[in-house]
Amino acid sequence: MIFRRVIQYLLMLLLALFLVMFLLLPLFTVVGEGCDWQLIIEIFRSPVYREGLFNSFAIALVTTGIVAMISLTLALLYDRYDFPGKEYCSILMLLPMILPPFVGALGFQQILGYYGVVNSILTQCGLSRIDFLGGEGKFWSVCVIEALHLYPIFYLNLITALGNIDPTLSDAAANLGANRRQRFFRIKLPLLKSGFLAGGSIVMVWSFTELGTPLMFGYNRVTPVQVFNGLHELDNNPLPYSLVVIMLTVSALIYLLMRKIFSTPSGAAAVKGTMGSRAEKLAGWRKFLPAGAFLLVALLSVMPHLALIGSAFSLRWYDSVLPQVFTLEHFDNALSNPLVLPSIVNSLRYSALAMLIAVICGTLTALISSRWKLRGAGLLDLLSMLPLAIPGLVIAFGFLGMTAEYAWARAIFNPVENPLWLLAIAYAVRRIPYVVRAVTAGLEQTPEELENAARNFGAGPVRTMCRITFPLISANLLVGGLFAFSFSMLEVSDSLILAQKSIFFPITKALLELSQILGAGPASASAFGVWAMAFLAVTLVSAGILMGRKIGAIFKF
């Protein structure tokens, strides 16, 4: 017993050391490099950088507002009504996540471009063209495409929160004379604050620090793009580090502010639905309205994906609603490009190693906090979830700073000569929370008595874990691994910043480079994006089938 406890604490120590070295140390490196008060004052004095911060924060506010309206409406419809096709809604809501928003921006440009689909419809109706992607149009385009990508995270958290509300509370309020409006604002909405905090904080921080989408739209007056453009001057100009410190500070303030606004009311944490929500059945044609709302939002969210597919297969799609000539030429051009095939191989290597690291670390964290219940397990669990609250751009810059600051870091992961371990560990740190939450959900649903019974019959701890625990949570392990692998394959911030030589480019960096080639570059990038979209679609649908509505717990901080 004592020996087993010693081994458990040793594993906990090794895991904590890993997180300190590859999560906290990069953060401290960024803070150490960027905490120059003169540079920070210079940033706030510069109208260009002030505008970048203002635009980034405005994008975060507008995106989160759009996401909240979409998600709350759909979550309430799902929870309140029973309608045809309801069982497929959770999978339907995952569709927007099958493509990073910066890749979807290629399709969005085809829809809203000056000679794109919408303007073609306007001219056919006798109206003037609108420059959706020029001037202020870029701002709204970035907000819309990010909102259409991020609303599933908010929606899944709200669904999880709604499932934890005891319906008898609403019944009791109704018996005391409260009408439907009063019950919503006085009972249900306050109890949804945990969902608003979990989903809203992730969406707001994500949209505030999103690099790929504004970069693809050429919207350079935002802080993440200004940081990215300053990479080439890091040796002589530490200003990007100060920008990253400001981004980290603002992200922390955003989370703290949302925590203050959406803190759970006293006693509400103890309210958990044991009876489940009682859905109301609609009669006649009205029973199809909730499904129609889900389909409408899903259609809007996949429009960039459909446009991307159209661009990939079209030889000519200019000033028309639909492609005019179809071809497979762009797929041939993409595969023959010297960037594409090596980037696929690179991404597979980086992501497979990242998945292995994330699964080991995430499973250990879940076991320590949910099964072994060691002292300090709560702190370790919080530390493992920290990447959800820290912008990927900050972590990527931290790793870059480590390679410049520490000789041992340059020896292990050199971003110029061989970034395999650099990218794999950076990817893994960002995906550990998904594995932790997936495995924790499985452990909480698995009776501990089964493991105790195995030990009573003489099975050792390792044999019990291999023969009882892991088989019972195999679906959760698979979901966590799938998420870690697939999202690593299409990671944006780490890939754009840490991969510096073309022979080491992962898929997302190759997509960006391909899209910037004049002529057929965007079409070839679209063809390449279709492959990436299909890959992630299979992963997300599989995860949705395995976990159902509980998949929202993966995105909960």
Protein backbone atom coordinates (compact mmCIF):
# COMPACT_ATOMS: atom_id res chain seq x y z
CA MET A 1 0.00 0.00 0.00
CA ILE A 2 2.78 2.42 0.97
CA PHE A 3 4.84 1.43 -2.09
CA ARG A 4 1.83 2.02 -4.36
CA ARG A 5 1.26 5.45 -2.80
CA VAL A 6 4.92 6.36 -3.32
CA ILE A 7 4.68 5.39 -7.00
CA GLN A 8 1.50 7.48 -7.38
CA TYR A 9 3.12 10.54 -5.84
CA LEU A 10 6.22 10.02 -8.00
CA LEU A 11 4.06 9.96 -11.14
CA MET A 12 2.28 13.08 -9.92
CA LEU A 13 5.63 14.80 -9.38
CA LEU A 14 6.85 13.90 -12.89
CA LEU A 15 3.59 15.16 -14.41
CA ALA A 16 3.78 18.41 -12.44
CA LEU A 17 7.40 18.84 -13.56
CA PHE A 18 6.35 18.36 -17.22
CA LEU A 19 3.61 21.01 -16.90
CA VAL A 20 5.92 23.42 -15.11
CA MET A 21 8.62 23.07 -17.78
CA PHE A 22 6.39 23.19 -20.85
CA LEU A 23 3.46 25.33 -19.70
CA LEU A 24 4.55 27.65 -16.88
CA LEU A 25 8.15 28.16 -18.02
CA PRO A 26 7.11 29.36 -21.51
CA LEU A 27 4.71 31.80 -19.81
CA PHE A 28 7.42 33.08 -17.47
CA THR A 29 9.79 33.40 -20.44
CA VAL A 30 7.32 35.58 -22.30
CA VAL A 31 6.69 37.68 -19.21
CA GLY A 32 10.42 38.00 -18.51
CA GLU A 33 11.19 39.05 -22.09
CA GLY A 34 8.20 41.34 -22.49
CA CYS A 35 7.89 43.06 -19.10
CA ASP A 36 9.81 46.14 -20.14
CA TRP A 37 7.75 49.09 -18.94
CA GLN A 38 9.28 51.44 -21.48
CA LEU A 39 8.25 49.14 -24.32
CA ILE A 40 4.76 48.67 -22.88
CA ILE A 41 4.35 52.44 -22.55
CA GLU A 42 5.62 52.82 -26.12
CA ILE A 43 2.98 50.35 -27.32
CA PHE A 44 0.18 52.31 -25.67
CA ARG A 45 1.57 55.55 -27.08
CA SER A 46 1.61 54.17 -30.63
CA PRO A 47 -1.70 54.76 -32.46
CA VAL A 48 -1.04 51.68 -34.62
CA TYR A 49 -0.69 49.30 -31.65
CA ARG A 50 -3.56 50.97 -29.77
CA GLU A 51 -5.74 50.43 -32.80
CA GLY A 52 -4.63 46.80 -32.97
CA LEU A 53 -5.59 46.20 -29.34
CA PHE A 54 -8.90 48.02 -29.78
CA ASN A 55 -9.74 46.02 -32.92
CA SER A 56 -8.81 42.71 -31.28
CA PHE A 57 -10.97 43.45 -28.25
CA ALA A 58 -13.84 44.62 -30.47
CA ILE A 59 -13.61 41.38 -32.47
CA ALA A 60 -13.76 39.40 -29.20
CA LEU A 61 -16.83 41.31 -27.97
CA VAL A 62 -18.77 41.13 -31.22
CA THR A 63 -17.86 37.48 -31.86
CA THR A 64 -18.86 36.45 -28.34
CA GLY A 65 -22.13 38.37 -28.64
CA ILE A 66 -23.04 36.64 -31.90
CA VAL A 67 -22.02 33.26 -30.48
CA ALA A 68 -24.09 33.82 -27.32
CA MET A 69 -27.25 34.68 -29.27
CA ILE A 70 -26.93 31.65 -31.55
CA SER A 71 -25.96 29.20 -28.79
CA LEU A 72 -28.54 30.25 -26.19
CA THR A 73 -31.38 30.07 -28.71
CA LEU A 74 -30.40 26.60 -29.93
CA ALA A 75 -29.65 25.24 -26.45
CA LEU A 76 -33.04 26.35 -25.11
CA LEU A 77 -34.84 24.83 -28.11
CA TYR A 78 -32.96 21.57 -27.61
CA ASP A 79 -33.66 21.43 -23.90
CA ARG A 80 -37.31 22.47 -23.97
CA TYR A 81 -38.78 20.65 -26.96
CA ASP A 82 -38.91 17.13 -28.30
CA PHE A 83 -38.80 17.23 -32.09
CA PRO A 84 -37.93 14.98 -35.07
CA GLY A 85 -34.19 14.62 -35.61
CA LYS A 86 -33.26 15.83 -32.12
CA GLU A 87 -30.84 12.95 -31.62
CA TYR A 88 -28.72 14.20 -34.54
CA CYS A 89 -28.44 17.81 -33.36
CA SER A 90 -25.30 17.34 -31.26
CA ILE A 91 -23.48 15.90 -34.27
CA LEU A 92 -24.92 18.64 -36.49
CA MET A 93 -23.52 21.28 -34.13
CA LEU A 94 -20.00 19.88 -34.57
CA LEU A 95 -19.98 20.60 -38.32
CA PRO A 96 -18.48 24.12 -38.03
CA MET A 97 -15.46 22.69 -36.22
CA ILE A 98 -14.33 20.50 -39.11
CA LEU A 99 -12.21 23.32 -40.50
CA PRO A 100 -10.07 26.01 -38.84
CA PRO A 101 -11.65 29.43 -39.44
CA PHE A 102 -8.57 30.72 -41.23
CA VAL A 103 -8.99 27.99 -43.87
CA GLY A 104 -12.73 28.66 -44.04
CA ALA A 105 -11.79 32.26 -44.81
CA LEU A 106 -10.83 31.08 -48.30
CA GLY A 107 -14.41 29.94 -48.87
CA PHE A 108 -15.80 33.03 -47.17
CA GLN A 109 -13.93 35.24 -49.64
CA GLN A 110 -15.63 33.40 -52.48
CA ILE A 111 -19.03 34.08 -50.90
CA LEU A 112 -18.55 37.75 -49.97
CA GLY A 113 -15.89 38.84 -52.45
CA TYR A 114 -16.56 41.77 -54.78
CA TYR A 115 -17.27 39.29 -57.59
CA GLY A 116 -18.46 36.55 -55.24
CA VAL A 117 -21.76 34.75 -54.70
CA VAL A 118 -23.62 37.44 -52.72
CA ASN A 119 -22.65 40.26 -55.05
CA SER A 120 -23.65 38.13 -58.05
CA ILE A 121 -27.11 37.74 -56.51
CA LEU A 122 -27.29 41.49 -55.84
CA THR A 123 -26.42 42.39 -59.43
CA GLN A 124 -28.95 39.88 -60.78
CA CYS A 125 -31.57 41.64 -58.63
CA GLY A 126 -30.58 45.00 -60.11
CA LEU A 127 -28.71 46.21 -57.00
CA SER A 128 -25.20 47.59 -56.66
CA ARG A 129 -22.25 45.55 -55.47
CA ILE A 130 -21.10 45.90 -51.86
CA ASP A 131 -17.45 45.70 -50.84
CA PHE A 132 -17.93 43.30 -47.92
CA LEU A 133 -14.22 42.56 -47.56
CA GLY A 134 -12.89 46.10 -47.84
CA GLY A 135 -12.45 48.63 -45.05
CA GLU A 136 -14.80 47.92 -42.14
CA GLY A 137 -16.08 44.88 -44.02
CA LYS A 138 -12.93 42.95 -43.00
CA PHE A 139 -13.76 43.48 -39.34
CA TRP A 140 -17.28 42.09 -39.67
CA SER A 141 -16.11 39.24 -41.90
CA VAL A 142 -13.57 38.15 -39.26
CA CYS A 143 -16.24 38.33 -36.54
CA VAL A 144 -18.82 36.35 -38.50
CA ILE A 145 -16.51 33.54 -39.60
CA GLU A 146 -15.05 33.18 -36.10
CA ALA A 147 -18.56 33.14 -34.60
CA LEU A 148 -19.70 30.47 -37.06
CA HIS A 149 -16.71 28.37 -36.02
CA LEU A 150 -16.84 28.88 -32.25
CA TYR A 151 -20.54 28.72 -31.38
CA PRO A 152 -20.47 24.89 -30.86
CA ILE A 153 -18.17 25.36 -27.84
CA PHE A 154 -20.63 27.78 -26.23
CA TYR A 155 -23.62 25.64 -27.23
CA LEU A 156 -22.18 22.42 -25.80
CA ASN A 157 -21.40 24.11 -22.48
CA LEU A 158 -24.94 25.51 -22.26
CA ILE A 159 -26.42 22.08 -23.04
CA THR A 160 -24.31 20.57 -20.25
CA ALA A 161 -25.45 23.30 -17.83
CA LEU A 162 -29.11 22.86 -18.82
CA GLY A 163 -28.83 19.12 -18.17
CA ASN A 164 -27.75 19.87 -14.60
CA ILE A 165 -30.82 21.98 -13.76
CA ASP A 166 -33.52 20.19 -11.77
CA PRO A 167 -36.86 20.76 -13.61
CA THR A 168 -38.75 20.64 -10.30
CA LEU A 169 -37.37 24.13 -9.54
CA SER A 170 -39.32 25.55 -12.48
CA ASP A 171 -42.40 23.57 -11.43
CA ALA A 172 -42.17 24.97 -7.90
CA ALA A 173 -41.90 28.52 -9.25
CA ALA A 174 -44.93 27.92 -11.49
CA ASN A 175 -46.94 26.66 -8.51
CA LEU A 176 -46.10 29.91 -6.72
CA GLY A 177 -47.52 31.93 -9.61
CA ALA A 178 -44.43 32.73 -11.69
CA ASN A 179 -45.12 33.00 -15.42
CA ARG A 180 -42.86 31.56 -18.12
CA ARG A 181 -40.84 34.78 -18.53
CA GLN A 182 -40.25 35.08 -14.78
CA ARG A 183 -39.21 31.44 -14.52
CA PHE A 184 -36.67 31.92 -17.30
CA PHE A 185 -35.05 35.08 -15.91
CA ARG A 186 -35.29 34.18 -12.20
CA ILE A 187 -34.62 30.42 -12.28
CA LYS A 188 -33.09 29.08 -15.48
CA LEU A 189 -30.86 31.97 -16.59
CA PRO A 190 -29.06 32.39 -13.21
CA LEU A 191 -28.39 28.63 -13.13
CA LEU A 192 -26.91 28.82 -16.65
CA LYS A 193 -24.14 31.14 -15.50
CA SER A 194 -21.65 28.26 -15.23
CA GLY A 195 -22.28 27.45 -18.90
CA PHE A 196 -21.89 31.11 -19.88
CA LEU A 197 -18.61 31.31 -17.97
CA ALA A 198 -17.18 28.06 -19.36
CA GLY A 199 -18.19 28.66 -22.97
CA GLY A 200 -18.02 32.46 -23.08
CA SER A 201 -14.55 32.75 -21.58
CA ILE A 202 -13.09 30.27 -24.07
CA VAL A 203 -14.82 31.95 -27.03
CA MET A 204 -13.82 35.45 -25.98
CA VAL A 205 -10.16 34.63 -25.30
CA TRP A 206 -9.97 32.51 -28.47
CA SER A 207 -11.41 35.27 -30.68
CA PHE A 208 -9.27 37.96 -28.99
CA THR A 209 -6.06 36.04 -29.80
CA GLU A 210 -7.04 34.38 -33.08
CA LEU A 211 -4.22 34.78 -35.59
CA GLY A 212 -5.14 32.80 -38.68
CA THR A 213 -8.47 34.39 -39.69
CA PRO A 214 -7.43 38.08 -39.73
CA LEU A 215 -4.14 37.03 -41.33
CA MET A 216 -6.01 35.28 -44.14
CA PHE A 217 -8.30 38.29 -44.66
CA GLY A 218 -5.35 40.68 -44.71
CA TYR A 219 -6.69 42.47 -41.62
CA ASN A 220 -3.34 43.55 -40.23
CA ARG A 221 -4.49 46.12 -37.66
CA VAL A 222 -5.07 43.52 -34.93
CA THR A 223 -2.61 42.58 -32.20
CA PRO A 224 -2.10 38.87 -33.10
CA VAL A 225 -1.12 39.75 -36.68
CA GLN A 226 1.14 42.56 -35.44
CA VAL A 227 2.85 40.02 -33.18
CA PHE A 228 3.23 37.57 -36.08
CA ASN A 229 4.63 40.26 -38.38
CA GLY A 230 7.20 41.17 -35.74
CA LEU A 231 8.71 37.67 -35.69
CA HIS A 232 11.39 38.62 -38.21
CA GLU A 233 12.70 41.39 -35.93
CA LEU A 234 12.89 39.44 -32.65
CA ASP A 235 16.68 39.54 -32.53
CA ASN A 236 16.75 43.33 -32.59
CA ASN A 237 13.27 44.29 -31.41
CA PRO A 238 11.66 42.71 -28.31
CA LEU A 239 8.45 44.66 -28.92
CA PRO A 240 6.46 41.53 -29.97
CA TYR A 241 7.17 39.99 -26.54
CA SER A 242 5.66 43.06 -24.88
CA LEU A 243 2.64 42.78 -27.15
CA VAL A 244 2.25 39.14 -26.11
CA VAL A 245 2.47 40.12 -22.42
CA ILE A 246 -0.30 42.67 -22.98
CA MET A 247 -2.39 40.02 -24.75
CA LEU A 248 -1.86 37.60 -21.87
CA THR A 249 -2.84 40.27 -19.34
CA VAL A 250 -5.97 41.24 -21.25
CA SER A 251 -6.93 37.56 -21.67
CA ALA A 252 -6.59 37.02 -17.91
CA LEU A 253 -8.66 40.14 -17.23
CA ILE A 254 -11.33 38.92 -19.67
CA TYR A 255 -11.59 35.63 -17.80
CA LEU A 256 -11.66 37.29 -14.37
CA LEU A 257 -14.29 39.78 -15.53
CA MET A 258 -16.49 37.03 -16.93
CA ARG A 259 -15.99 35.02 -13.76
CA LYS A 260 -17.17 38.05 -11.78
CA ILE A 261 -20.21 38.60 -14.01
CA PHE A 262 -21.20 34.95 -14.36
CA SER A 263 -20.24 33.64 -10.93
CA THR A 264 -22.65 30.92 -9.81
CA PRO A 265 -25.25 32.10 -7.29
CA SER A 266 -24.89 30.88 -3.72
CA GLY A 267 -26.29 27.37 -3.40
CA ALA A 268 -26.72 26.92 -7.14
CA ALA A 269 -23.72 24.62 -7.38
CA ALA A 270 -25.62 22.08 -5.34
CA VAL A 271 -28.51 21.99 -7.80
CA LYS A 272 -28.21 19.03 -10.11
CA GLY A 273 -30.98 17.57 -12.16
CA THR A 274 -31.72 14.03 -11.08
CA MET A 275 -34.90 13.70 -13.12
CA GLY A 276 -33.60 15.20 -16.35
CA SER A 277 -35.23 17.92 -18.35
CA ARG A 278 -38.83 17.23 -19.37
CA ALA A 279 -39.09 18.11 -23.06
CA GLU A 280 -42.37 19.39 -24.44
CA LYS A 281 -43.78 17.69 -27.52
CA LEU A 282 -44.99 20.01 -30.26
CA ALA A 283 -47.94 19.15 -32.47
CA GLY A 284 -48.55 19.64 -36.17
CA TRP A 285 -46.19 21.67 -38.33
CA ARG A 286 -44.68 23.40 -35.28
CA LYS A 287 -42.75 20.26 -34.33
CA PHE A 288 -40.45 20.89 -37.31
CA LEU A 289 -39.54 24.48 -36.29
CA PRO A 290 -36.76 23.61 -33.78
CA ALA A 291 -35.12 21.26 -36.27
CA GLY A 292 -35.45 24.00 -38.89
CA ALA A 293 -33.59 26.43 -36.62
CA PHE A 294 -30.76 23.92 -36.15
CA LEU A 295 -30.58 23.25 -39.88
CA LEU A 296 -30.55 26.97 -40.72
CA VAL A 297 -27.67 27.71 -38.35
CA ALA A 298 -25.80 24.60 -39.52
CA LEU A 299 -26.26 25.65 -43.17
CA LEU A 300 -24.94 29.15 -42.46
CA SER A 301 -21.97 27.73 -40.58
CA VAL A 302 -21.00 25.29 -43.34
CA MET A 303 -21.35 27.83 -46.15
CA PRO A 304 -17.59 28.62 -46.04
CA HIS A 305 -16.91 24.87 -46.18
CA LEU A 306 -19.22 24.44 -49.17
CA ALA A 307 -17.61 27.42 -50.89
CA LEU A 308 -14.18 25.92 -50.18
CA ILE A 309 -15.26 22.67 -51.82
CA GLY A 310 -16.69 24.61 -54.77
CA SER A 311 -13.43 26.55 -55.18
CA ALA A 312 -11.44 23.33 -55.02
CA PHE A 313 -13.45 21.68 -57.81
CA SER A 314 -14.14 24.72 -60.03
CA LEU A 315 -12.04 25.86 -62.96
CA ARG A 316 -13.97 29.12 -63.16
CA TRP A 317 -16.10 30.69 -60.45
CA TYR A 318 -16.17 34.40 -61.10
CA ASP A 319 -19.14 36.73 -60.83
CA SER A 320 -21.60 33.83 -60.65
CA VAL A 321 -23.68 32.15 -57.98
CA LEU A 322 -22.39 28.64 -58.73
CA PRO A 323 -19.13 27.34 -60.24
CA GLN A 324 -19.25 27.38 -64.04
CA VAL A 325 -16.67 24.73 -64.96
CA PHE A 326 -15.57 21.80 -62.79
CA THR A 327 -12.11 20.25 -62.69
CA LEU A 328 -9.72 18.13 -60.60
CA GLU A 329 -6.77 20.22 -61.70
CA HIS A 330 -6.44 22.04 -58.39
CA PHE A 331 -6.04 18.74 -56.51
CA ASP A 332 -3.28 17.75 -58.94
CA ASN A 333 -1.60 21.14 -58.47
CA ALA A 334 -1.84 20.85 -54.70
CA LEU A 335 -0.38 17.36 -54.56
CA SER A 336 2.41 18.27 -57.00
CA ASN A 337 3.40 21.32 -54.95
CA PRO A 338 6.63 20.58 -53.03
CA LEU A 339 5.06 21.93 -49.81
CA VAL A 340 2.00 19.67 -49.65
CA LEU A 341 3.07 16.04 -49.28
CA PRO A 342 5.94 16.81 -46.87
CA SER A 343 3.56 18.94 -44.77
CA ILE A 344 1.11 16.02 -44.49
CA VAL A 345 3.91 13.70 -43.36
CA ASN A 346 5.20 16.35 -40.93
CA SER A 347 1.75 16.92 -39.43
CA LEU A 348 1.21 13.19 -39.00
CA ARG A 349 4.52 12.89 -37.13
CA TYR A 350 3.94 15.96 -34.95
CA SER A 351 0.32 15.07 -34.19
CA ALA A 352 0.92 11.37 -33.46
CA LEU A 353 3.64 12.25 -30.96
CA ALA A 354 1.48 15.04 -29.50
CA MET A 355 -1.45 12.63 -29.11
CA LEU A 356 0.74 10.12 -27.27
CA ILE A 357 2.03 12.79 -24.88
CA ALA A 358 -1.42 14.31 -24.33
CA VAL A 359 -3.08 10.92 -23.68
CA ILE A 360 -0.41 9.88 -21.16
CA CYS A 361 -0.44 13.23 -19.32
CA GLY A 362 -4.22 13.67 -19.51
CA THR A 363 -4.98 10.13 -18.32
CA LEU A 364 -2.53 10.45 -15.43
CA THR A 365 -4.09 13.76 -14.39
CA ALA A 366 -7.60 12.27 -14.49
CA LEU A 367 -6.51 9.24 -12.44
CA ILE A 368 -4.76 11.41 -9.85
CA SER A 369 -7.73 13.73 -9.38
CA SER A 370 -10.64 11.28 -9.82
CA ARG A 371 -9.32 7.94 -8.55
CA TRP A 372 -6.18 8.27 -6.47
CA LYS A 373 -7.27 11.59 -4.87
CA LEU A 374 -3.75 12.57 -3.86
CA ARG A 375 -2.98 15.74 -1.97
CA GLY A 376 -2.51 18.57 -4.43
CA ALA A 377 -4.56 16.77 -7.09
CA GLY A 378 -6.93 19.74 -7.37
CA LEU A 379 -4.06 22.09 -8.13
CA LEU A 380 -2.68 19.68 -10.73
CA ASP A 381 -6.11 19.41 -12.36
CA LEU A 382 -6.36 23.21 -12.51
CA LEU A 383 -2.86 23.44 -13.98
CA SER A 384 -3.72 20.89 -16.67
CA MET A 385 -6.79 22.94 -17.65
CA LEU A 386 -4.84 26.20 -17.83
CA PRO A 387 -4.12 25.91 -21.59
CA LEU A 388 -7.83 26.52 -22.25
CA ALA A 389 -7.50 29.97 -20.69
CA ILE A 390 -4.10 30.83 -22.18
CA PRO A 391 -3.97 31.97 -25.81
CA GLY A 392 -2.15 29.60 -28.14
CA LEU A 393 -0.20 32.55 -29.51
CA VAL A 394 1.22 33.21 -26.02
CA ILE A 395 2.30 29.58 -25.54
CA ALA A 396 3.88 29.51 -29.01
CA PHE A 397 5.84 32.68 -28.28
CA GLY A 398 6.87 31.23 -24.93
CA PHE A 399 8.39 28.18 -26.62
CA LEU A 400 10.14 30.43 -29.11
CA GLY A 401 11.52 32.49 -26.23
CA MET A 402 12.72 29.35 -24.44
CA THR A 403 14.78 28.29 -27.46
CA ALA A 404 16.43 31.72 -27.49
CA GLU A 405 16.90 31.96 -23.71
CA TYR A 406 18.01 28.46 -22.63
CA ALA A 407 20.77 26.32 -24.16
CA TRP A 408 19.09 23.07 -23.01
CA ALA A 409 15.89 24.10 -24.79
CA ARG A 410 17.77 24.78 -28.05
CA ALA A 411 19.40 21.35 -27.76
CA ILE A 412 16.07 19.55 -27.31
CA PHE A 413 13.90 21.45 -29.77
CA ASN A 414 15.56 23.68 -32.29
CA PRO A 415 12.91 25.53 -34.35
CA VAL A 416 15.27 25.88 -37.31
CA GLU A 417 17.03 22.52 -37.56
CA ASN A 418 14.42 20.05 -36.29
CA PRO A 419 11.18 21.27 -34.64
CA LEU A 420 9.70 17.77 -34.13
CA TRP A 421 9.76 17.79 -30.33
CA LEU A 422 9.09 21.53 -30.19
CA LEU A 423 5.85 21.29 -32.15
CA ALA A 424 4.80 17.94 -30.67
CA ILE A 425 5.10 19.19 -27.09
CA ALA A 426 3.50 22.55 -27.95
CA TYR A 427 0.56 20.74 -29.60
CA ALA A 428 0.27 18.30 -26.69
CA VAL A 429 0.19 20.97 -23.99
CA ARG A 430 -2.70 22.69 -25.80
CA ARG A 431 -4.68 19.40 -26.06
CA ILE A 432 -4.14 17.93 -22.59
CA PRO A 433 -7.38 19.54 -21.26
CA TYR A 434 -9.47 17.64 -23.83
CA VAL A 435 -8.00 14.31 -22.73
CA VAL A 436 -8.35 15.19 -19.02
CA ARG A 437 -12.04 16.05 -19.34
CA ALA A 438 -12.85 13.07 -21.59
CA VAL A 439 -11.12 10.56 -19.28
CA THR A 440 -12.50 12.20 -16.12
CA ALA A 441 -16.02 11.89 -17.52
CA GLY A 442 -15.41 8.18 -18.10
CA LEU A 443 -13.99 7.62 -14.61
CA GLU A 444 -16.92 9.42 -12.99
CA GLN A 445 -19.34 7.14 -14.84
CA THR A 446 -17.40 3.96 -13.93
CA PRO A 447 -18.25 2.46 -10.51
CA GLU A 448 -15.13 2.29 -8.38
CA GLU A 449 -16.57 -0.84 -6.73
CA LEU A 450 -15.58 -2.86 -9.82
CA GLU A 451 -11.93 -1.98 -9.29
CA ASN A 452 -12.19 -2.68 -5.55
CA ALA A 453 -13.71 -6.09 -6.31
CA ALA A 454 -10.80 -6.93 -8.64
CA ARG A 455 -8.28 -5.97 -5.95
CA ASN A 456 -10.17 -8.05 -3.37
CA PHE A 457 -9.72 -11.08 -5.64
CA GLY A 458 -5.96 -10.54 -5.69
CA ALA A 459 -5.42 -8.39 -8.79
CA GLY A 460 -2.61 -5.85 -8.44
CA PRO A 461 -3.11 -2.15 -9.23
CA VAL A 462 -1.53 -2.41 -12.69
CA ARG A 463 -3.57 -5.48 -13.63
CA THR A 464 -6.76 -3.88 -12.28
CA MET A 465 -6.13 -0.78 -14.35
CA CYS A 466 -5.36 -2.75 -17.54
CA ARG A 467 -8.16 -5.32 -17.15
CA ILE A 468 -10.93 -3.22 -15.54
CA THR A 469 -10.40 0.56 -15.63
CA PHE A 470 -9.02 1.14 -19.13
CA PRO A 471 -11.47 -1.20 -20.93
CA LEU A 472 -14.40 0.56 -19.21
CA ILE A 473 -13.20 4.03 -20.24
CA SER A 474 -11.86 2.99 -23.65
CA ALA A 475 -14.42 5.13 -25.50
CA ASN A 476 -13.40 8.19 -23.48
CA LEU A 477 -9.72 7.48 -24.10
CA LEU A 478 -10.47 7.17 -27.80
CA VAL A 479 -12.38 10.47 -27.85
CA GLY A 480 -9.60 12.31 -26.02
CA GLY A 481 -6.99 10.83 -28.33
CA LEU A 482 -9.03 11.68 -31.42
CA PHE A 483 -9.41 15.29 -30.34
CA ALA A 484 -5.73 15.59 -29.44
CA PHE A 485 -4.65 14.15 -32.80
CA SER A 486 -7.12 15.88 -35.12
CA PHE A 487 -6.86 19.36 -33.59
CA SER A 488 -3.07 19.03 -33.56
CA MET A 489 -3.20 18.25 -37.27
CA LEU A 490 -4.89 21.61 -37.88
CA GLU A 491 -3.30 23.72 -35.11
CA VAL A 492 -2.72 27.30 -36.29
CA SER A 493 -0.77 29.50 -33.84
CA ASP A 494 1.98 27.00 -32.95
CA SER A 495 2.35 25.92 -36.57
CA LEU A 496 2.63 29.43 -38.02
CA ILE A 497 5.13 30.63 -35.41
CA LEU A 498 7.29 27.60 -34.58
CA ALA A 499 7.77 26.02 -38.03
CA GLN A 500 10.38 28.18 -39.74
CA LYS A 501 11.81 26.06 -42.58
CA SER A 502 9.62 24.88 -45.45
CA ILE A 503 10.80 21.26 -45.12
CA PHE A 504 9.32 21.22 -41.60
CA PHE A 505 6.05 23.01 -42.38
CA PRO A 506 2.90 21.31 -41.01
CA ILE A 507 -0.39 21.40 -42.92
CA THR A 508 -1.64 24.78 -41.69
CA LYS A 509 1.63 26.59 -42.45
CA ALA A 510 1.69 25.00 -45.92
CA LEU A 511 -1.95 26.08 -46.46
CA LEU A 512 -1.07 29.68 -45.63
CA GLU A 513 1.96 29.67 -47.92
CA LEU A 514 -0.05 28.05 -50.71
CA SER A 515 -2.89 30.58 -50.42
CA GLN A 516 -0.47 33.48 -50.91
CA ILE A 517 0.82 32.24 -54.27
CA LEU A 518 -0.54 34.46 -57.02
CA GLY A 519 -2.81 32.90 -59.61
CA ALA A 520 -3.89 29.36 -58.79
CA GLY A 521 -2.54 29.47 -55.21
CA PRO A 522 -5.90 30.05 -53.42
CA ALA A 523 -7.59 27.33 -55.50
CA SER A 524 -4.80 24.85 -54.71
CA ALA A 525 -5.03 25.80 -51.03
CA SER A 526 -8.78 25.17 -51.19
CA ALA A 527 -8.17 21.70 -52.61
CA PHE A 528 -5.67 21.01 -49.85
CA GLY A 529 -8.17 22.36 -47.28
CA VAL A 530 -10.85 19.93 -48.49
CA TRP A 531 -8.62 17.01 -47.53
CA ALA A 532 -8.02 18.51 -44.08
CA MET A 533 -11.75 19.18 -43.66
CA ALA A 534 -12.69 15.60 -44.52
CA PHE A 535 -10.11 14.26 -42.06
CA LEU A 536 -11.35 16.35 -39.14
CA ALA A 537 -15.01 15.70 -40.02
CA VAL A 538 -14.55 11.95 -39.57
CA THR A 539 -12.86 12.56 -36.21
CA LEU A 540 -15.52 14.89 -34.83
CA VAL A 541 -18.46 12.78 -35.98
CA SER A 542 -16.86 9.72 -34.36
CA ALA A 543 -16.32 11.65 -31.13
CA GLY A 544 -19.90 12.96 -31.22
CA ILE A 545 -21.31 9.45 -31.63
CA LEU A 546 -19.17 8.08 -28.79
CA MET A 547 -19.88 10.83 -26.24
CA GLY A 548 -23.19 12.38 -27.34
CA ARG A 549 -24.15 15.57 -25.52
CA LYS A 550 -21.47 14.91 -22.87
CA ILE A 551 -18.90 16.02 -25.42
CA GLY A 552 -19.48 19.54 -24.11
CA ALA A 553 -17.49 18.66 -20.99
CA ILE A 554 -14.33 18.56 -23.11
CA PHE A 555 -14.59 22.32 -23.72
CA LYS A 556 -15.40 23.19 -20.11
CA PHE A 557 -12.83 25.09 -18.03
